[in-house]
């Protein structure tokens, strides 16, 4: 008899929160770079600028919103993907084909992106607040305060501003992260050269992080601009046209910091997830 462990539905959210605590400063710098109207600073320059002006703790500005986002967006997409994958895996012979993983990842990511839009918007605003002059700052106390204030002052529709973009980006990221991670891990284990341990998890998640960064960067730029706008864009298409006027590379603005943030975030998420599964997962005896 062989024993294996299955992930519980909420493990993805917990693993993502752990990863977010480690990579939040990189996420904050990425938002600052993407909301520049012209390229004035690079990644290191922006980090130095933030620390010099607002102190080291400013790098963790908006952490509560980031954790709130992971517990809505990531928990939803991981719960859908892993639950359906495990259910289908238990009824069929062998692992799911790659195209099914892609479709399932896209559906899970799209749903998670929609559910996590309010927390995501507050996250972007809290991170960008310190760039604004004191009289224009929104000064949200924490994520929940931000969500309630947007609901009270700007209405429920504003809470879901950029939901299309956030959902599309969520689909792309989940395809890049979850579907690619599963497929790469399956291929690596199939070679017989590596076992189901930390080196395999690290390699698979590193490749998955690279795929996710490249797939979602154009959508990430548009989503950040829409969520941070004060009404200058009439919609997604208008934002797309305005950004396109800056040239094709504008869609990949902040690609390096996005990769530097998303790849470690992906690696940490899956390393934490695999450890949670190993020590606290559901035992299956076959």
C-alpha atoms as a PDB file:
ATOM      1  CA  UNK A   1       0.000   0.000   0.000  1.00  0.00           C
ATOM      2  CA  UNK A   2       1.280   3.460  -0.937  1.00  0.00           C
ATOM      3  CA  UNK A   3       0.460   6.640   0.963  1.00  0.00           C
ATOM      4  CA  UNK A   4       0.168  10.061  -0.654  1.00  0.00           C
ATOM      5  CA  UNK A   5      -1.021  13.443   0.538  1.00  0.00           C
ATOM      6  CA  UNK A   6      -3.667  15.668  -1.040  1.00  0.00           C
ATOM      7  CA  UNK A   7      -3.834  19.419  -0.565  1.00  0.00           C
ATOM      8  CA  UNK A   8      -6.665  20.931   1.480  1.00  0.00           C
ATOM      9  CA  UNK A   9      -8.724  23.627  -0.286  1.00  0.00           C
ATOM     10  CA  UNK A  10      -7.348  26.530   1.801  1.00  0.00           C
ATOM     11  CA  UNK A  11      -3.623  25.612   1.593  1.00  0.00           C
ATOM     12  CA  UNK A  12      -3.126  27.746  -1.543  1.00  0.00           C
ATOM     13  CA  UNK A  13      -4.316  30.872   0.280  1.00  0.00           C
ATOM     14  CA  UNK A  14      -2.060  30.226   3.291  1.00  0.00           C
ATOM     15  CA  UNK A  15       0.984  29.491   1.099  1.00  0.00           C
ATOM     16  CA  UNK A  16       0.356  32.662  -0.953  1.00  0.00           C
ATOM     17  CA  UNK A  17       0.123  34.764   2.249  1.00  0.00           C
ATOM     18  CA  UNK A  18       3.479  33.407   3.414  1.00  0.00           C
ATOM     19  CA  UNK A  19       5.038  34.234   0.040  1.00  0.00           C
ATOM     20  CA  UNK A  20       3.426  37.729  -0.006  1.00  0.00           C
ATOM     21  CA  UNK A  21       5.030  38.595   3.355  1.00  0.00           C
ATOM     22  CA  UNK A  22       8.450  37.878   1.822  1.00  0.00           C
ATOM     23  CA  UNK A  23       7.980  39.591  -1.573  1.00  0.00           C
ATOM     24  CA  UNK A  24       5.782  42.597  -0.654  1.00  0.00           C
ATOM     25  CA  UNK A  25       8.587  45.234  -0.989  1.00  0.00           C
ATOM     26  CA  UNK A  26       9.215  44.067  -4.576  1.00  0.00           C
ATOM     27  CA  UNK A  27       5.491  44.319  -5.355  1.00  0.00           C
ATOM     28  CA  UNK A  28       5.390  47.867  -3.958  1.00  0.00           C
ATOM     29  CA  UNK A  29       8.366  48.966  -6.114  1.00  0.00           C
ATOM     30  CA  UNK A  30       6.728  47.361  -9.187  1.00  0.00           C
ATOM     31  CA  UNK A  31       3.526  49.412  -8.620  1.00  0.00           C
ATOM     32  CA  UNK A  32       5.575  52.621  -8.256  1.00  0.00           C
ATOM     33  CA  UNK A  33       7.413  51.914 -11.519  1.00  0.00           C
ATOM     34  CA  UNK A  34       4.221  51.112 -13.443  1.00  0.00           C
ATOM     35  CA  UNK A  35       2.400  54.277 -12.327  1.00  0.00           C
ATOM     36  CA  UNK A  36       5.177  56.612 -13.555  1.00  0.00           C
ATOM     37  CA  UNK A  37       3.942  58.629 -16.521  1.00  0.00           C
ATOM     38  CA  UNK A  38       7.487  58.759 -17.887  1.00  0.00           C
ATOM     39  CA  UNK A  39      10.395  56.472 -17.079  1.00  0.00           C
ATOM     40  CA  UNK A  40      12.347  58.509 -14.534  1.00  0.00           C
ATOM     41  CA  UNK A  41      13.656  55.789 -12.194  1.00  0.00           C
ATOM     42  CA  UNK A  42      14.725  52.182 -12.401  1.00  0.00           C
ATOM     43  CA  UNK A  43      14.134  49.518  -9.774  1.00  0.00           C
ATOM     44  CA  UNK A  44      17.070  50.187  -7.403  1.00  0.00           C
ATOM     45  CA  UNK A  45      16.630  53.969  -7.716  1.00  0.00           C
ATOM     46  CA  UNK A  46      12.945  53.651  -6.832  1.00  0.00           C
ATOM     47  CA  UNK A  47      13.724  51.467  -3.783  1.00  0.00           C
ATOM     48  CA  UNK A  48      16.327  53.990  -2.532  1.00  0.00           C
ATOM     49  CA  UNK A  49      13.881  56.861  -3.179  1.00  0.00           C
ATOM     50  CA  UNK A  50      11.090  55.162  -1.135  1.00  0.00           C
ATOM     51  CA  UNK A  51      13.399  54.330   1.800  1.00  0.00           C
ATOM     52  CA  UNK A  52      15.008  57.797   1.795  1.00  0.00           C
ATOM     53  CA  UNK A  53      11.679  59.657   1.723  1.00  0.00           C
ATOM     54  CA  UNK A  54       9.475  57.458   3.922  1.00  0.00           C
ATOM     55  CA  UNK A  55      11.726  55.022   5.788  1.00  0.00           C
ATOM     56  CA  UNK A  56      12.303  51.251   5.580  1.00  0.00           C
ATOM     57  CA  UNK A  57       8.808  50.365   6.883  1.00  0.00           C
ATOM     58  CA  UNK A  58       7.328  52.175   3.865  1.00  0.00           C
ATOM     59  CA  UNK A  59       8.397  49.143   1.797  1.00  0.00           C
ATOM     60  CA  UNK A  60       5.654  47.240   3.656  1.00  0.00           C
ATOM     61  CA  UNK A  61       2.995  49.893   3.031  1.00  0.00           C
ATOM     62  CA  UNK A  62      -0.263  48.150   2.084  1.00  0.00           C
ATOM     63  CA  UNK A  63       0.760  44.721   3.458  1.00  0.00           C
ATOM     64  CA  UNK A  64      -2.697  44.198   5.048  1.00  0.00           C
ATOM     65  CA  UNK A  65      -4.338  44.748   1.634  1.00  0.00           C
ATOM     66  CA  UNK A  66      -1.840  42.359   0.027  1.00  0.00           C
ATOM     67  CA  UNK A  67      -2.695  39.620   2.555  1.00  0.00           C
ATOM     68  CA  UNK A  68      -6.419  40.354   2.148  1.00  0.00           C
ATOM     69  CA  UNK A  69      -5.983  39.968  -1.612  1.00  0.00           C
ATOM     70  CA  UNK A  70      -4.172  36.626  -1.235  1.00  0.00           C
ATOM     71  CA  UNK A  71      -6.947  35.320   1.042  1.00  0.00           C
ATOM     72  CA  UNK A  72      -9.574  36.216  -1.577  1.00  0.00           C
ATOM     73  CA  UNK A  73      -7.861  35.934  -4.992  1.00  0.00           C
ATOM     74  CA  UNK A  74      -5.279  33.176  -4.385  1.00  0.00           C
ATOM     75  CA  UNK A  75      -7.444  31.125  -2.042  1.00  0.00           C
ATOM     76  CA  UNK A  76     -10.241  31.042  -4.666  1.00  0.00           C
ATOM     77  CA  UNK A  77      -8.045  30.113  -7.649  1.00  0.00           C
ATOM     78  CA  UNK A  78      -6.074  27.448  -5.769  1.00  0.00           C
ATOM     79  CA  UNK A  79      -9.252  25.991  -4.227  1.00  0.00           C
ATOM     80  CA  UNK A  80     -10.948  25.659  -7.652  1.00  0.00           C
ATOM     81  CA  UNK A  81      -7.873  24.341  -9.490  1.00  0.00           C
ATOM     82  CA  UNK A  82      -6.638  21.849  -6.889  1.00  0.00           C
ATOM     83  CA  UNK A  83     -10.091  20.536  -5.888  1.00  0.00           C
ATOM     84  CA  UNK A  84     -11.211  19.886  -9.496  1.00  0.00           C
ATOM     85  CA  UNK A  85      -7.779  18.483 -10.501  1.00  0.00           C
ATOM     86  CA  UNK A  86      -7.749  16.046  -7.560  1.00  0.00           C
ATOM     87  CA  UNK A  87     -11.369  15.001  -8.211  1.00  0.00           C
ATOM     88  CA  UNK A  88     -10.656  14.338 -11.896  1.00  0.00           C
ATOM     89  CA  UNK A  89      -7.371  12.608 -11.039  1.00  0.00           C
ATOM     90  CA  UNK A  90      -9.117  10.192  -8.674  1.00  0.00           C
ATOM     91  CA  UNK A  91     -11.709   9.138 -11.281  1.00  0.00           C
ATOM     92  CA  UNK A  92      -9.439   8.883 -14.364  1.00  0.00           C
ATOM     93  CA  UNK A  93      -6.302   6.906 -15.040  1.00  0.00           C
ATOM     94  CA  UNK A  94      -3.141   9.042 -14.873  1.00  0.00           C
ATOM     95  CA  UNK A  95      -2.729  12.843 -14.713  1.00  0.00           C
ATOM     96  CA  UNK A  96      -4.893  15.394 -16.556  1.00  0.00           C
ATOM     97  CA  UNK A  97      -3.775  16.391 -20.099  1.00  0.00           C
ATOM     98  CA  UNK A  98      -2.048  19.792 -20.301  1.00  0.00           C
ATOM     99  CA  UNK A  99      -4.879  21.495 -22.229  1.00  0.00           C
ATOM    100  CA  UNK A 100      -7.335  20.587 -19.430  1.00  0.00           C
ATOM    101  CA  UNK A 101      -4.938  22.037 -16.845  1.00  0.00           C
ATOM    102  CA  UNK A 102      -4.760  25.263 -18.915  1.00  0.00           C
ATOM    103  CA  UNK A 103      -8.572  25.528 -19.181  1.00  0.00           C
ATOM    104  CA  UNK A 104      -9.042  24.767 -15.478  1.00  0.00           C
ATOM    105  CA  UNK A 105      -6.290  27.248 -14.530  1.00  0.00           C
ATOM    106  CA  UNK A 106      -7.880  29.961 -16.697  1.00  0.00           C
ATOM    107  CA  UNK A 107     -11.317  29.396 -15.125  1.00  0.00           C
ATOM    108  CA  UNK A 108      -9.944  29.332 -11.564  1.00  0.00           C
ATOM    109  CA  UNK A 109      -7.798  32.403 -12.165  1.00  0.00           C
ATOM    110  CA  UNK A 110     -10.627  34.369 -13.808  1.00  0.00           C
ATOM    111  CA  UNK A 111     -12.969  33.633 -10.868  1.00  0.00           C
ATOM    112  CA  UNK A 112     -10.247  34.402  -8.299  1.00  0.00           C
ATOM    113  CA  UNK A 113      -9.345  37.638 -10.088  1.00  0.00           C
ATOM    114  CA  UNK A 114     -12.959  38.840  -9.910  1.00  0.00           C
ATOM    115  CA  UNK A 115     -13.383  37.891  -6.226  1.00  0.00           C
ATOM    116  CA  UNK A 116     -10.089  39.577  -5.318  1.00  0.00           C
ATOM    117  CA  UNK A 117     -10.638  42.843  -7.263  1.00  0.00           C
ATOM    118  CA  UNK A 118     -11.717  45.041  -4.273  1.00  0.00           C
ATOM    119  CA  UNK A 119      -8.712  43.975  -2.150  1.00  0.00           C
ATOM    120  CA  UNK A 120      -6.432  44.293  -5.191  1.00  0.00           C
ATOM    121  CA  UNK A 121      -7.572  47.863  -5.893  1.00  0.00           C
ATOM    122  CA  UNK A 122      -7.076  48.904  -2.255  1.00  0.00           C
ATOM    123  CA  UNK A 123      -3.645  47.213  -2.344  1.00  0.00           C
ATOM    124  CA  UNK A 124      -2.559  49.283  -5.387  1.00  0.00           C
ATOM    125  CA  UNK A 125      -3.923  52.508  -3.853  1.00  0.00           C
ATOM    126  CA  UNK A 126      -2.234  51.951  -0.471  1.00  0.00           C
ATOM    127  CA  UNK A 127       1.109  51.213  -2.132  1.00  0.00           C
ATOM    128  CA  UNK A 128       0.861  54.278  -4.377  1.00  0.00           C
ATOM    129  CA  UNK A 129      -0.423  56.655  -1.656  1.00  0.00           C
ATOM    130  CA  UNK A 130       3.021  57.727  -0.453  1.00  0.00           C
ATOM    131  CA  UNK A 131       3.878  59.065  -3.934  1.00  0.00           C
ATOM    132  CA  UNK A 132       1.036  61.598  -3.770  1.00  0.00           C
ATOM    133  CA  UNK A 133       1.256  65.031  -2.099  1.00  0.00           C
ATOM    134  CA  UNK A 134      -0.101  64.920   1.527  1.00  0.00           C
ATOM    135  CA  UNK A 135      -3.347  66.724   0.590  1.00  0.00           C
ATOM    136  CA  UNK A 136      -4.172  64.149  -2.134  1.00  0.00           C
ATOM    137  CA  UNK A 137      -3.412  61.023  -0.082  1.00  0.00           C
ATOM    138  CA  UNK A 138      -6.274  58.652   0.681  1.00  0.00           C
ATOM    139  CA  UNK A 139      -4.754  57.520   4.025  1.00  0.00           C
ATOM    140  CA  UNK A 140      -6.548  54.183   4.383  1.00  0.00           C
ATOM    141  CA  UNK A 141      -5.818  52.730   7.871  1.00  0.00           C
ATOM    142  CA  UNK A 142      -5.804  49.135   6.582  1.00  0.00           C
ATOM    143  CA  UNK A 143      -7.352  46.954   3.860  1.00  0.00           C
ATOM    144  CA  UNK A 144     -10.832  46.599   5.402  1.00  0.00           C
ATOM    145  CA  UNK A 145     -10.991  50.369   6.054  1.00  0.00           C
ATOM    146  CA  UNK A 146      -9.998  50.953   2.418  1.00  0.00           C
ATOM    147  CA  UNK A 147     -12.730  48.636   1.085  1.00  0.00           C
ATOM    148  CA  UNK A 148     -15.424  50.268   3.285  1.00  0.00           C
ATOM    149  CA  UNK A 149     -14.309  53.792   2.374  1.00  0.00           C
ATOM    150  CA  UNK A 150     -14.339  53.087  -1.364  1.00  0.00           C
ATOM    151  CA  UNK A 151     -17.809  51.517  -0.978  1.00  0.00           C
ATOM    152  CA  UNK A 152     -19.068  54.529   1.045  1.00  0.00           C
ATOM    153  CA  UNK A 153     -17.411  57.343  -0.939  1.00  0.00           C
ATOM    154  CA  UNK A 154     -17.318  55.984  -4.508  1.00  0.00           C
ATOM    155  CA  UNK A 155     -19.961  53.251  -4.648  1.00  0.00           C
ATOM    156  CA  UNK A 156     -19.922  49.476  -5.172  1.00  0.00           C
ATOM    157  CA  UNK A 157     -19.103  49.780  -8.892  1.00  0.00           C
ATOM    158  CA  UNK A 158     -15.834  51.524  -8.075  1.00  0.00           C
ATOM    159  CA  UNK A 159     -14.836  48.552  -5.879  1.00  0.00           C
ATOM    160  CA  UNK A 160     -14.858  46.432  -9.033  1.00  0.00           C
ATOM    161  CA  UNK A 161     -13.076  49.012 -11.204  1.00  0.00           C
ATOM    162  CA  UNK A 162     -10.634  47.079 -13.395  1.00  0.00           C
ATOM    163  CA  UNK A 163     -12.377  43.748 -12.659  1.00  0.00           C
ATOM    164  CA  UNK A 164     -12.157  42.692 -16.338  1.00  0.00           C
ATOM    165  CA  UNK A 165      -8.430  43.325 -16.366  1.00  0.00           C
ATOM    166  CA  UNK A 166      -7.864  41.747 -12.934  1.00  0.00           C
ATOM    167  CA  UNK A 167      -9.848  38.639 -13.945  1.00  0.00           C
ATOM    168  CA  UNK A 168      -8.005  38.310 -17.281  1.00  0.00           C
ATOM    169  CA  UNK A 169      -4.670  38.752 -15.524  1.00  0.00           C
ATOM    170  CA  UNK A 170      -5.726  36.224 -12.885  1.00  0.00           C
ATOM    171  CA  UNK A 171      -6.472  33.702 -15.643  1.00  0.00           C
ATOM    172  CA  UNK A 172      -3.061  34.268 -17.282  1.00  0.00           C
ATOM    173  CA  UNK A 173      -1.136  34.070 -13.985  1.00  0.00           C
ATOM    174  CA  UNK A 174      -2.935  30.890 -12.927  1.00  0.00           C
ATOM    175  CA  UNK A 175      -2.260  29.224 -16.282  1.00  0.00           C
ATOM    176  CA  UNK A 176       1.409  30.275 -16.002  1.00  0.00           C
ATOM    177  CA  UNK A 177       1.758  29.281 -12.347  1.00  0.00           C
ATOM    178  CA  UNK A 178      -0.497  26.301 -11.591  1.00  0.00           C
ATOM    179  CA  UNK A 179      -0.880  24.599 -14.990  1.00  0.00           C
ATOM    180  CA  UNK A 180       2.796  25.081 -15.936  1.00  0.00           C
ATOM    181  CA  UNK A 181       3.997  24.041 -12.455  1.00  0.00           C
ATOM    182  CA  UNK A 182       1.981  20.813 -12.600  1.00  0.00           C
ATOM    183  CA  UNK A 183       3.162  20.037 -16.136  1.00  0.00           C
ATOM    184  CA  UNK A 184       6.854  20.803 -15.515  1.00  0.00           C
ATOM    185  CA  UNK A 185       6.789  18.813 -12.249  1.00  0.00           C
ATOM    186  CA  UNK A 186       5.169  15.883 -14.075  1.00  0.00           C
ATOM    187  CA  UNK A 187       7.850  15.996 -16.830  1.00  0.00           C
ATOM    188  CA  UNK A 188      10.710  16.307 -14.317  1.00  0.00           C
ATOM    189  CA  UNK A 189       9.437  13.362 -12.238  1.00  0.00           C
ATOM    190  CA  UNK A 190       8.892  11.394 -15.470  1.00  0.00           C
ATOM    191  CA  UNK A 191      12.611  11.541 -16.290  1.00  0.00           C
ATOM    192  CA  UNK A 192      13.388   9.605 -13.096  1.00  0.00           C
ATOM    193  CA  UNK A 193      16.420  11.836 -12.478  1.00  0.00           C
ATOM    194  CA  UNK A 194      14.807  13.764  -9.604  1.00  0.00           C
ATOM    195  CA  UNK A 195      12.439  12.690  -6.831  1.00  0.00           C
ATOM    196  CA  UNK A 196       9.388  14.528  -5.457  1.00  0.00           C
ATOM    197  CA  UNK A 197      11.445  16.788  -3.169  1.00  0.00           C
ATOM    198  CA  UNK A 198      12.554  20.393  -2.697  1.00  0.00           C
ATOM    199  CA  UNK A 199      14.874  20.576  -5.803  1.00  0.00           C
ATOM    200  CA  UNK A 200      11.988  19.448  -8.074  1.00  0.00           C
ATOM    201  CA  UNK A 201       9.559  21.889  -6.436  1.00  0.00           C
ATOM    202  CA  UNK A 202      12.104  24.735  -6.797  1.00  0.00           C
ATOM    203  CA  UNK A 203      12.898  24.028 -10.468  1.00  0.00           C
ATOM    204  CA  UNK A 204       9.236  23.553 -11.487  1.00  0.00           C
ATOM    205  CA  UNK A 205       8.063  26.700  -9.671  1.00  0.00           C
ATOM    206  CA  UNK A 206      10.956  28.791 -11.072  1.00  0.00           C
ATOM    207  CA  UNK A 207       9.974  27.886 -14.663  1.00  0.00           C
ATOM    208  CA  UNK A 208       6.268  28.435 -13.861  1.00  0.00           C
ATOM    209  CA  UNK A 209       7.057  31.889 -12.423  1.00  0.00           C
ATOM    210  CA  UNK A 210       8.872  32.881 -15.635  1.00  0.00           C
ATOM    211  CA  UNK A 211       5.920  31.742 -17.790  1.00  0.00           C
ATOM    212  CA  UNK A 212       3.426  33.621 -15.581  1.00  0.00           C
ATOM    213  CA  UNK A 213       5.465  36.865 -15.664  1.00  0.00           C
ATOM    214  CA  UNK A 214       5.693  36.918 -19.461  1.00  0.00           C
ATOM    215  CA  UNK A 215       2.017  36.025 -20.000  1.00  0.00           C
ATOM    216  CA  UNK A 216       0.498  38.562 -17.639  1.00  0.00           C
ATOM    217  CA  UNK A 217       2.757  41.630 -17.787  1.00  0.00           C
ATOM    218  CA  UNK A 218       0.761  43.622 -20.429  1.00  0.00           C
ATOM    219  CA  UNK A 219      -2.476  42.998 -18.486  1.00  0.00           C
ATOM    220  CA  UNK A 220      -0.743  43.833 -15.206  1.00  0.00           C
ATOM    221  CA  UNK A 221       0.332  47.249 -16.512  1.00  0.00           C
ATOM    222  CA  UNK A 222      -3.206  48.074 -17.716  1.00  0.00           C
ATOM    223  CA  UNK A 223      -4.771  46.789 -14.462  1.00  0.00           C
ATOM    224  CA  UNK A 224      -2.442  48.935 -12.318  1.00  0.00           C
ATOM    225  CA  UNK A 225      -3.152  52.062 -14.396  1.00  0.00           C
ATOM    226  CA  UNK A 226      -6.940  51.515 -14.269  1.00  0.00           C
ATOM    227  CA  UNK A 227      -7.065  50.851 -10.520  1.00  0.00           C
ATOM    228  CA  UNK A 228      -4.880  53.829  -9.705  1.00  0.00           C
ATOM    229  CA  UNK A 229      -6.733  56.253 -11.994  1.00  0.00           C
ATOM    230  CA  UNK A 230      -8.809  59.156 -10.731  1.00  0.00           C
ATOM    231  CA  UNK A 231     -11.226  58.954 -13.661  1.00  0.00           C
ATOM    232  CA  UNK A 232      -8.851  59.831 -16.533  1.00  0.00           C
ATOM    233  CA  UNK A 233      -9.667  56.566 -18.373  1.00  0.00           C
ATOM    234  CA  UNK A 234     -13.191  55.913 -19.681  1.00  0.00           C
ATOM    235  CA  UNK A 235     -12.582  52.153 -19.751  1.00  0.00           C
ATOM    236  CA  UNK A 236     -10.215  49.313 -20.628  1.00  0.00           C
ATOM    237  CA  UNK A 237     -10.070  50.181 -24.353  1.00  0.00           C
ATOM    238  CA  UNK A 238      -9.284  53.835 -23.662  1.00  0.00           C
ATOM    239  CA  UNK A 239      -6.529  52.830 -21.209  1.00  0.00           C
ATOM    240  CA  UNK A 240      -5.186  50.394 -23.826  1.00  0.00           C
ATOM    241  CA  UNK A 241      -5.065  53.161 -26.497  1.00  0.00           C
ATOM    242  CA  UNK A 242      -3.372  55.674 -24.175  1.00  0.00           C
ATOM    243  CA  UNK A 243      -0.738  53.106 -23.114  1.00  0.00           C
ATOM    244  CA  UNK A 244      -0.203  51.995 -26.741  1.00  0.00           C
ATOM    245  CA  UNK A 245       0.716  55.604 -27.678  1.00  0.00           C
ATOM    246  CA  UNK A 246       3.747  55.263 -25.379  1.00  0.00           C
ATOM    247  CA  UNK A 247       5.023  52.429 -27.614  1.00  0.00           C
ATOM    248  CA  UNK A 248       4.874  48.600 -27.438  1.00  0.00           C
ATOM    249  CA  UNK A 249       7.485  48.445 -24.661  1.00  0.00           C
ATOM    250  CA  UNK A 250       5.107  50.399 -22.380  1.00  0.00           C
ATOM    251  CA  UNK A 251       3.139  47.148 -21.945  1.00  0.00           C
ATOM    252  CA  UNK A 252       6.288  45.539 -20.544  1.00  0.00           C
ATOM    253  CA  UNK A 253       7.208  48.457 -18.280  1.00  0.00           C
ATOM    254  CA  UNK A 254       8.475  47.021 -15.016  1.00  0.00           C
ATOM    255  CA  UNK A 255       9.007  43.518 -16.549  1.00  0.00           C
ATOM    256  CA  UNK A 256      12.268  42.924 -14.635  1.00  0.00           C
ATOM    257  CA  UNK A 257      10.859  43.969 -11.237  1.00  0.00           C
ATOM    258  CA  UNK A 258       7.665  42.031 -12.047  1.00  0.00           C
ATOM    259  CA  UNK A 259       9.786  38.936 -12.747  1.00  0.00           C
ATOM    260  CA  UNK A 260      11.954  39.593  -9.695  1.00  0.00           C
ATOM    261  CA  UNK A 261       8.751  39.733  -7.625  1.00  0.00           C
ATOM    262  CA  UNK A 262       6.604  37.059  -9.288  1.00  0.00           C
ATOM    263  CA  UNK A 263       9.286  34.361  -9.716  1.00  0.00           C
ATOM    264  CA  UNK A 264      10.327  34.334  -6.005  1.00  0.00           C
ATOM    265  CA  UNK A 265       6.641  34.664  -5.056  1.00  0.00           C
ATOM    266  CA  UNK A 266       5.800  31.606  -7.204  1.00  0.00           C
ATOM    267  CA  UNK A 267       8.763  29.609  -5.851  1.00  0.00           C
ATOM    268  CA  UNK A 268       7.905  30.433  -2.220  1.00  0.00           C
ATOM    269  CA  UNK A 269       4.177  29.758  -2.754  1.00  0.00           C
ATOM    270  CA  UNK A 270       4.769  26.266  -4.140  1.00  0.00           C
ATOM    271  CA  UNK A 271       7.527  25.415  -1.646  1.00  0.00           C
ATOM    272  CA  UNK A 272       5.173  26.426   1.221  1.00  0.00           C
ATOM    273  CA  UNK A 273       2.248  24.610  -0.449  1.00  0.00           C
ATOM    274  CA  UNK A 274       4.201  21.362  -0.883  1.00  0.00           C
ATOM    275  CA  UNK A 275       5.356  21.495   2.760  1.00  0.00           C
ATOM    276  CA  UNK A 276       1.788  22.141   3.983  1.00  0.00           C
ATOM    277  CA  UNK A 277       0.583  19.238   1.836  1.00  0.00           C
ATOM    278  CA  UNK A 278       3.382  16.957   3.105  1.00  0.00           C
ATOM    279  CA  UNK A 279       2.826  17.659   6.809  1.00  0.00           C
ATOM    280  CA  UNK A 280      -0.884  18.558   7.054  1.00  0.00           C
ATOM    281  CA  UNK A 281      -2.471  17.240   3.832  1.00  0.00           C
ATOM    282  CA  UNK A 282      -5.262  14.667   3.535  1.00  0.00           C
ATOM    283  CA  UNK A 283      -3.792  11.144   3.702  1.00  0.00           C
ATOM    284  CA  UNK A 284      -4.755   8.881   0.793  1.00  0.00           C
ATOM    285  CA  UNK A 285      -3.886   5.186   1.043  1.00  0.00           C
ATOM    286  CA  UNK A 286      -3.840   3.380  -2.307  1.00  0.00           C
END
